Amino acid sequence: MLYLIVMTLSSLCAVVSFYMVWIILGVPDKQGVWLFLAFGCFFFIPVLMAVIEALSRYFSPLRREDSSLNRGLFCTRKMQPAFVSHWKLMTMIIVAIIAVLAAILKTIFIR
C-alpha cells in the first residue's frame, strides 16, 4: 500500500512539475524553467524505475535493464556495501558545499 501511495504522489508531482515547465515556456520570462524541470526529473525517476521493473517481466530487453539496476525499487534486494575512502568522501562533500555557497553568493552579490 505504501508503494502505491509513493508512486502516486511521485507521479503526480512529476506531472505538475512538467506542466509548470510547459506553462513557463509559453511566457517571455523563462527563469523558473530549470527548477521545475529538475523537480520533474527528480520525481519521475522512481516512476520510471517502477515501469521498467513492471515491464521487465514481459519484455526481454527490459529484463536486462532491470537486472543492471540490480537492487530493485526501494532497495528491496540488498547490495554488498562498497568501501569509499574518507578523503574521497570528504572531498565530494566539500565540493558540493562550495558549489551551493557559490550559487547562493552569486545570486546575492552579482546582479
N, C-alpha and C. Protein backbone atom coordinates (compact mmCIF):
# COMPACT_ATOMS: atom_id res chain seq x y z
N MET A 1 0.82 -1.19 0.00
CA MET A 1 0.00 0.00 0.00
C MET A 1 0.86 1.26 0.00
N LEU A 2 1.96 1.23 0.79
CA LEU A 2 2.86 2.37 0.82
C LEU A 2 3.50 2.59 -0.55
N TYR A 3 3.82 1.50 -1.23
CA TYR A 3 4.40 1.57 -2.57
C TYR A 3 3.46 2.30 -3.52
N LEU A 4 2.18 1.98 -3.47
CA LEU A 4 1.19 2.61 -4.34
C LEU A 4 1.04 4.09 -4.02
N ILE A 5 1.04 4.44 -2.74
CA ILE A 5 0.92 5.84 -2.34
C ILE A 5 2.14 6.64 -2.81
N VAL A 6 3.32 6.09 -2.63
CA VAL A 6 4.54 6.79 -3.03
C VAL A 6 4.60 6.97 -4.54
N MET A 7 4.23 5.94 -5.29
CA MET A 7 4.24 6.04 -6.76
C MET A 7 3.21 7.05 -7.24
N THR A 8 2.05 7.08 -6.61
CA THR A 8 1.01 8.04 -7.00
C THR A 8 1.46 9.47 -6.72
N LEU A 9 1.99 9.71 -5.53
CA LEU A 9 2.44 11.06 -5.20
C LEU A 9 3.63 11.49 -6.05
N SER A 10 4.54 10.57 -6.31
CA SER A 10 5.70 10.90 -7.12
C SER A 10 5.30 11.23 -8.56
N SER A 11 4.40 10.43 -9.12
CA SER A 11 3.97 10.71 -10.49
C SER A 11 3.14 11.99 -10.56
N LEU A 12 2.36 12.26 -9.54
CA LEU A 12 1.58 13.50 -9.50
C LEU A 12 2.50 14.71 -9.43
N CYS A 13 3.53 14.66 -8.59
CA CYS A 13 4.49 15.76 -8.51
C CYS A 13 5.25 15.94 -9.82
N ALA A 14 5.60 14.83 -10.47
CA ALA A 14 6.30 14.93 -11.75
C ALA A 14 5.41 15.56 -12.82
N VAL A 15 4.16 15.15 -12.88
CA VAL A 15 3.24 15.70 -13.87
C VAL A 15 3.03 17.20 -13.64
N VAL A 16 2.84 17.59 -12.39
CA VAL A 16 2.65 19.01 -12.08
C VAL A 16 3.90 19.81 -12.43
N SER A 17 5.07 19.28 -12.13
CA SER A 17 6.31 19.99 -12.45
C SER A 17 6.50 20.13 -13.96
N PHE A 18 6.26 19.06 -14.70
CA PHE A 18 6.38 19.15 -16.16
C PHE A 18 5.32 20.07 -16.76
N TYR A 19 4.14 20.12 -16.16
CA TYR A 19 3.10 21.05 -16.62
C TYR A 19 3.53 22.49 -16.38
N MET A 20 4.17 22.74 -15.25
CA MET A 20 4.67 24.09 -14.97
C MET A 20 5.77 24.48 -15.96
N VAL A 21 6.60 23.52 -16.36
CA VAL A 21 7.61 23.79 -17.38
C VAL A 21 6.94 24.18 -18.69
N TRP A 22 5.90 23.47 -19.05
CA TRP A 22 5.17 23.75 -20.29
C TRP A 22 4.53 25.14 -20.23
N ILE A 23 3.99 25.51 -19.08
CA ILE A 23 3.39 26.84 -18.93
C ILE A 23 4.47 27.93 -19.00
N ILE A 24 5.59 27.71 -18.32
CA ILE A 24 6.65 28.73 -18.29
C ILE A 24 7.25 28.92 -19.67
N LEU A 25 7.32 27.88 -20.49
CA LEU A 25 7.88 28.02 -21.83
C LEU A 25 7.01 28.90 -22.72
N GLY A 26 5.77 29.12 -22.34
CA GLY A 26 4.88 29.95 -23.13
C GLY A 26 4.97 31.44 -22.83
N VAL A 27 5.68 31.82 -21.78
CA VAL A 27 5.79 33.24 -21.42
C VAL A 27 7.20 33.73 -21.75
N PRO A 28 7.38 35.04 -21.91
CA PRO A 28 8.71 35.56 -22.27
C PRO A 28 9.77 35.36 -21.17
N ASP A 29 9.38 35.43 -19.89
CA ASP A 29 10.33 35.29 -18.79
C ASP A 29 10.45 33.82 -18.41
N LYS A 30 11.59 33.20 -18.73
CA LYS A 30 11.75 31.75 -18.56
C LYS A 30 12.72 31.42 -17.43
N GLN A 31 12.68 32.15 -16.32
CA GLN A 31 13.66 31.93 -15.25
C GLN A 31 13.43 30.66 -14.46
N GLY A 32 12.21 30.22 -14.27
CA GLY A 32 11.94 29.08 -13.41
C GLY A 32 11.88 27.75 -14.12
N VAL A 33 12.20 27.74 -15.41
CA VAL A 33 12.02 26.50 -16.16
C VAL A 33 12.98 25.41 -15.70
N TRP A 34 14.23 25.76 -15.39
CA TRP A 34 15.19 24.74 -14.98
C TRP A 34 14.86 24.15 -13.62
N LEU A 35 14.33 24.98 -12.74
CA LEU A 35 13.96 24.50 -11.42
C LEU A 35 12.84 23.46 -11.51
N PHE A 36 11.79 23.79 -12.25
CA PHE A 36 10.68 22.85 -12.38
C PHE A 36 11.06 21.62 -13.20
N LEU A 37 11.95 21.79 -14.17
CA LEU A 37 12.42 20.64 -14.94
C LEU A 37 13.23 19.68 -14.06
N ALA A 38 14.06 20.24 -13.18
CA ALA A 38 14.84 19.40 -12.27
C ALA A 38 13.93 18.67 -11.29
N PHE A 39 12.93 19.37 -10.74
CA PHE A 39 11.99 18.71 -9.84
C PHE A 39 11.20 17.62 -10.55
N GLY A 40 10.79 17.90 -11.79
CA GLY A 40 10.05 16.90 -12.56
C GLY A 40 10.87 15.65 -12.81
N CYS A 41 12.14 15.84 -13.18
CA CYS A 41 13.01 14.68 -13.40
C CYS A 41 13.28 13.93 -12.10
N PHE A 42 13.44 14.68 -11.01
CA PHE A 42 13.69 14.04 -9.71
C PHE A 42 12.51 13.15 -9.30
N PHE A 43 11.29 13.62 -9.50
CA PHE A 43 10.13 12.83 -9.11
C PHE A 43 9.78 11.77 -10.14
N PHE A 44 10.28 11.90 -11.39
CA PHE A 44 9.96 10.93 -12.42
C PHE A 44 10.86 9.70 -12.36
N ILE A 45 12.02 9.80 -11.74
CA ILE A 45 12.96 8.67 -11.69
C ILE A 45 12.36 7.44 -10.99
N PRO A 46 11.73 7.55 -9.80
CA PRO A 46 11.12 6.35 -9.20
C PRO A 46 9.99 5.76 -10.05
N VAL A 47 9.24 6.63 -10.72
CA VAL A 47 8.16 6.14 -11.59
C VAL A 47 8.75 5.37 -12.76
N LEU A 48 9.82 5.89 -13.35
CA LEU A 48 10.47 5.20 -14.47
C LEU A 48 11.06 3.86 -14.02
N MET A 49 11.64 3.82 -12.83
CA MET A 49 12.18 2.55 -12.32
C MET A 49 11.06 1.54 -12.08
N ALA A 50 9.92 2.00 -11.59
CA ALA A 50 8.80 1.09 -11.36
C ALA A 50 8.24 0.55 -12.68
N VAL A 51 8.19 1.40 -13.69
CA VAL A 51 7.69 0.96 -15.00
C VAL A 51 8.66 -0.06 -15.61
N ILE A 52 9.96 0.20 -15.52
CA ILE A 52 10.95 -0.75 -16.05
C ILE A 52 10.86 -2.08 -15.31
N GLU A 53 10.71 -2.03 -14.00
CA GLU A 53 10.61 -3.26 -13.22
C GLU A 53 9.34 -4.03 -13.54
N ALA A 54 8.23 -3.32 -13.75
CA ALA A 54 6.96 -4.00 -14.06
C ALA A 54 6.98 -4.58 -15.47
N LEU A 55 7.52 -3.85 -16.43
CA LEU A 55 7.53 -4.34 -17.81
C LEU A 55 8.62 -5.36 -18.08
N SER A 56 9.61 -5.47 -17.19
CA SER A 56 10.69 -6.42 -17.42
C SER A 56 10.20 -7.87 -17.31
N ARG A 57 9.06 -8.07 -16.71
CA ARG A 57 8.51 -9.43 -16.64
C ARG A 57 7.99 -9.89 -17.99
N TYR A 58 7.66 -8.92 -18.88
CA TYR A 58 7.03 -9.26 -20.15
C TYR A 58 7.94 -9.07 -21.35
N PHE A 59 8.90 -8.17 -21.27
CA PHE A 59 9.77 -7.87 -22.41
C PHE A 59 11.22 -8.16 -22.04
N SER A 60 11.88 -8.99 -22.85
CA SER A 60 13.25 -9.39 -22.51
C SER A 60 14.26 -8.26 -22.60
N PRO A 61 14.15 -7.27 -23.51
CA PRO A 61 15.15 -6.18 -23.48
C PRO A 61 15.12 -5.39 -22.17
N LEU A 62 13.95 -5.25 -21.59
CA LEU A 62 13.86 -4.53 -20.32
C LEU A 62 14.34 -5.38 -19.15
N ARG A 63 14.35 -6.69 -19.32
CA ARG A 63 14.83 -7.56 -18.25
C ARG A 63 16.32 -7.31 -18.02
N ARG A 64 17.06 -7.06 -19.10
CA ARG A 64 18.48 -6.73 -18.95
C ARG A 64 18.66 -5.43 -18.19
N GLU A 65 17.83 -4.43 -18.52
CA GLU A 65 17.94 -3.14 -17.85
C GLU A 65 17.58 -3.27 -16.37
N ASP A 66 16.57 -4.08 -16.07
CA ASP A 66 16.18 -4.26 -14.68
C ASP A 66 17.26 -4.98 -13.89
N SER A 67 17.91 -5.95 -14.53
CA SER A 67 18.97 -6.66 -13.81
C SER A 67 20.20 -5.77 -13.64
N SER A 68 20.39 -4.78 -14.54
CA SER A 68 21.52 -3.88 -14.36
C SER A 68 21.25 -2.89 -13.23
N LEU A 69 19.97 -2.62 -12.94
CA LEU A 69 19.67 -1.80 -11.77
C LEU A 69 20.04 -2.55 -10.50
N ASN A 70 19.84 -3.86 -10.52
CA ASN A 70 20.39 -4.83 -9.56
C ASN A 70 19.85 -4.72 -8.14
N ARG A 71 19.09 -3.72 -7.81
CA ARG A 71 18.65 -3.60 -6.43
C ARG A 71 17.15 -3.63 -6.29
N GLY A 72 16.44 -3.39 -7.32
CA GLY A 72 15.00 -3.32 -7.20
C GLY A 72 14.57 -1.96 -6.68
N LEU A 73 13.31 -1.71 -6.74
CA LEU A 73 12.78 -0.43 -6.30
C LEU A 73 12.76 -0.38 -4.78
N PHE A 74 13.11 0.74 -4.21
CA PHE A 74 13.20 0.97 -2.77
C PHE A 74 14.18 0.01 -2.11
N CYS A 75 15.22 -0.39 -2.84
CA CYS A 75 16.29 -1.24 -2.31
C CYS A 75 15.75 -2.54 -1.73
N THR A 76 14.85 -3.19 -2.44
CA THR A 76 14.28 -4.43 -1.92
C THR A 76 15.29 -5.56 -1.93
N ARG A 77 16.24 -5.53 -2.86
CA ARG A 77 17.31 -6.52 -2.87
C ARG A 77 18.57 -5.86 -2.34
N LYS A 78 19.17 -6.46 -1.36
CA LYS A 78 20.33 -5.85 -0.70
C LYS A 78 21.58 -6.00 -1.56
N MET A 79 22.37 -4.92 -1.58
CA MET A 79 23.64 -4.93 -2.28
C MET A 79 24.76 -5.02 -1.26
N GLN A 80 25.88 -5.56 -1.67
CA GLN A 80 27.03 -5.61 -0.78
C GLN A 80 27.57 -4.18 -0.61
N PRO A 81 27.89 -3.79 0.60
CA PRO A 81 28.39 -2.43 0.80
C PRO A 81 29.75 -2.24 0.15
N ALA A 82 29.95 -1.08 -0.42
CA ALA A 82 31.23 -0.77 -1.05
C ALA A 82 31.99 0.21 -0.16
N PHE A 83 33.29 0.10 -0.18
CA PHE A 83 34.11 0.98 0.64
C PHE A 83 34.45 2.23 -0.15
N VAL A 84 34.19 3.39 0.43
CA VAL A 84 34.59 4.67 -0.14
C VAL A 84 35.56 5.30 0.86
N SER A 85 36.75 5.57 0.39
CA SER A 85 37.74 6.10 1.33
C SER A 85 37.31 7.47 1.83
N HIS A 86 37.75 7.81 3.03
CA HIS A 86 37.27 9.01 3.70
C HIS A 86 37.68 10.29 2.98
N TRP A 87 38.87 10.31 2.42
CA TRP A 87 39.31 11.55 1.78
C TRP A 87 38.51 11.81 0.52
N LYS A 88 38.10 10.76 -0.19
CA LYS A 88 37.26 10.97 -1.38
C LYS A 88 35.88 11.47 -0.98
N LEU A 89 35.33 10.89 0.05
CA LEU A 89 34.01 11.30 0.52
C LEU A 89 34.03 12.74 1.03
N MET A 90 35.04 13.10 1.80
CA MET A 90 35.13 14.47 2.30
C MET A 90 35.36 15.46 1.16
N THR A 91 36.12 15.08 0.16
CA THR A 91 36.33 15.95 -1.00
C THR A 91 35.02 16.19 -1.73
N MET A 92 34.22 15.14 -1.90
CA MET A 92 32.94 15.30 -2.57
C MET A 92 32.00 16.20 -1.77
N ILE A 93 31.99 16.05 -0.46
CA ILE A 93 31.13 16.89 0.39
C ILE A 93 31.58 18.34 0.33
N ILE A 94 32.88 18.59 0.39
CA ILE A 94 33.40 19.96 0.35
C ILE A 94 33.11 20.60 -1.00
N VAL A 95 33.26 19.85 -2.09
CA VAL A 95 32.95 20.40 -3.42
C VAL A 95 31.47 20.74 -3.52
N ALA A 96 30.61 19.90 -2.98
CA ALA A 96 29.17 20.18 -3.01
C ALA A 96 28.84 21.42 -2.19
N ILE A 97 29.45 21.57 -1.02
CA ILE A 97 29.22 22.75 -0.18
C ILE A 97 29.70 24.01 -0.88
N ILE A 98 30.86 23.95 -1.51
CA ILE A 98 31.38 25.12 -2.24
C ILE A 98 30.46 25.48 -3.40
N ALA A 99 29.94 24.49 -4.11
CA ALA A 99 29.04 24.77 -5.23
C ALA A 99 27.75 25.42 -4.76
N VAL A 100 27.20 24.94 -3.66
CA VAL A 100 25.96 25.54 -3.14
C VAL A 100 26.22 26.96 -2.66
N LEU A 101 27.30 27.17 -1.92
CA LEU A 101 27.63 28.52 -1.45
C LEU A 101 27.91 29.47 -2.61
N ALA A 102 28.58 28.99 -3.64
CA ALA A 102 28.86 29.84 -4.80
C ALA A 102 27.57 30.23 -5.50
N ALA A 103 26.63 29.30 -5.61
CA ALA A 103 25.36 29.62 -6.25
C ALA A 103 24.57 30.64 -5.43
N ILE A 104 24.59 30.50 -4.12
CA ILE A 104 23.86 31.44 -3.26
C ILE A 104 24.52 32.82 -3.29
N LEU A 105 25.84 32.86 -3.14
CA LEU A 105 26.53 34.14 -3.13
C LEU A 105 26.50 34.84 -4.49
N LYS A 106 26.49 34.08 -5.56
CA LYS A 106 26.39 34.67 -6.89
C LYS A 106 25.08 35.41 -7.06
N THR A 107 24.00 34.80 -6.60
CA THR A 107 22.69 35.46 -6.75
C THR A 107 22.57 36.67 -5.83
N ILE A 108 23.27 36.68 -4.71
CA ILE A 108 23.17 37.82 -3.80
C ILE A 108 24.01 39.00 -4.30
N PHE A 109 25.26 38.76 -4.69
CA PHE A 109 26.19 39.85 -4.98
C PHE A 109 26.29 40.23 -6.45
N ILE A 110 26.02 39.32 -7.35
CA ILE A 110 26.15 39.63 -8.79
C ILE A 110 24.77 39.76 -9.39
N ARG A 111 24.46 40.94 -9.85
CA ARG A 111 23.14 41.17 -10.47
C ARG A 111 23.31 41.81 -11.82
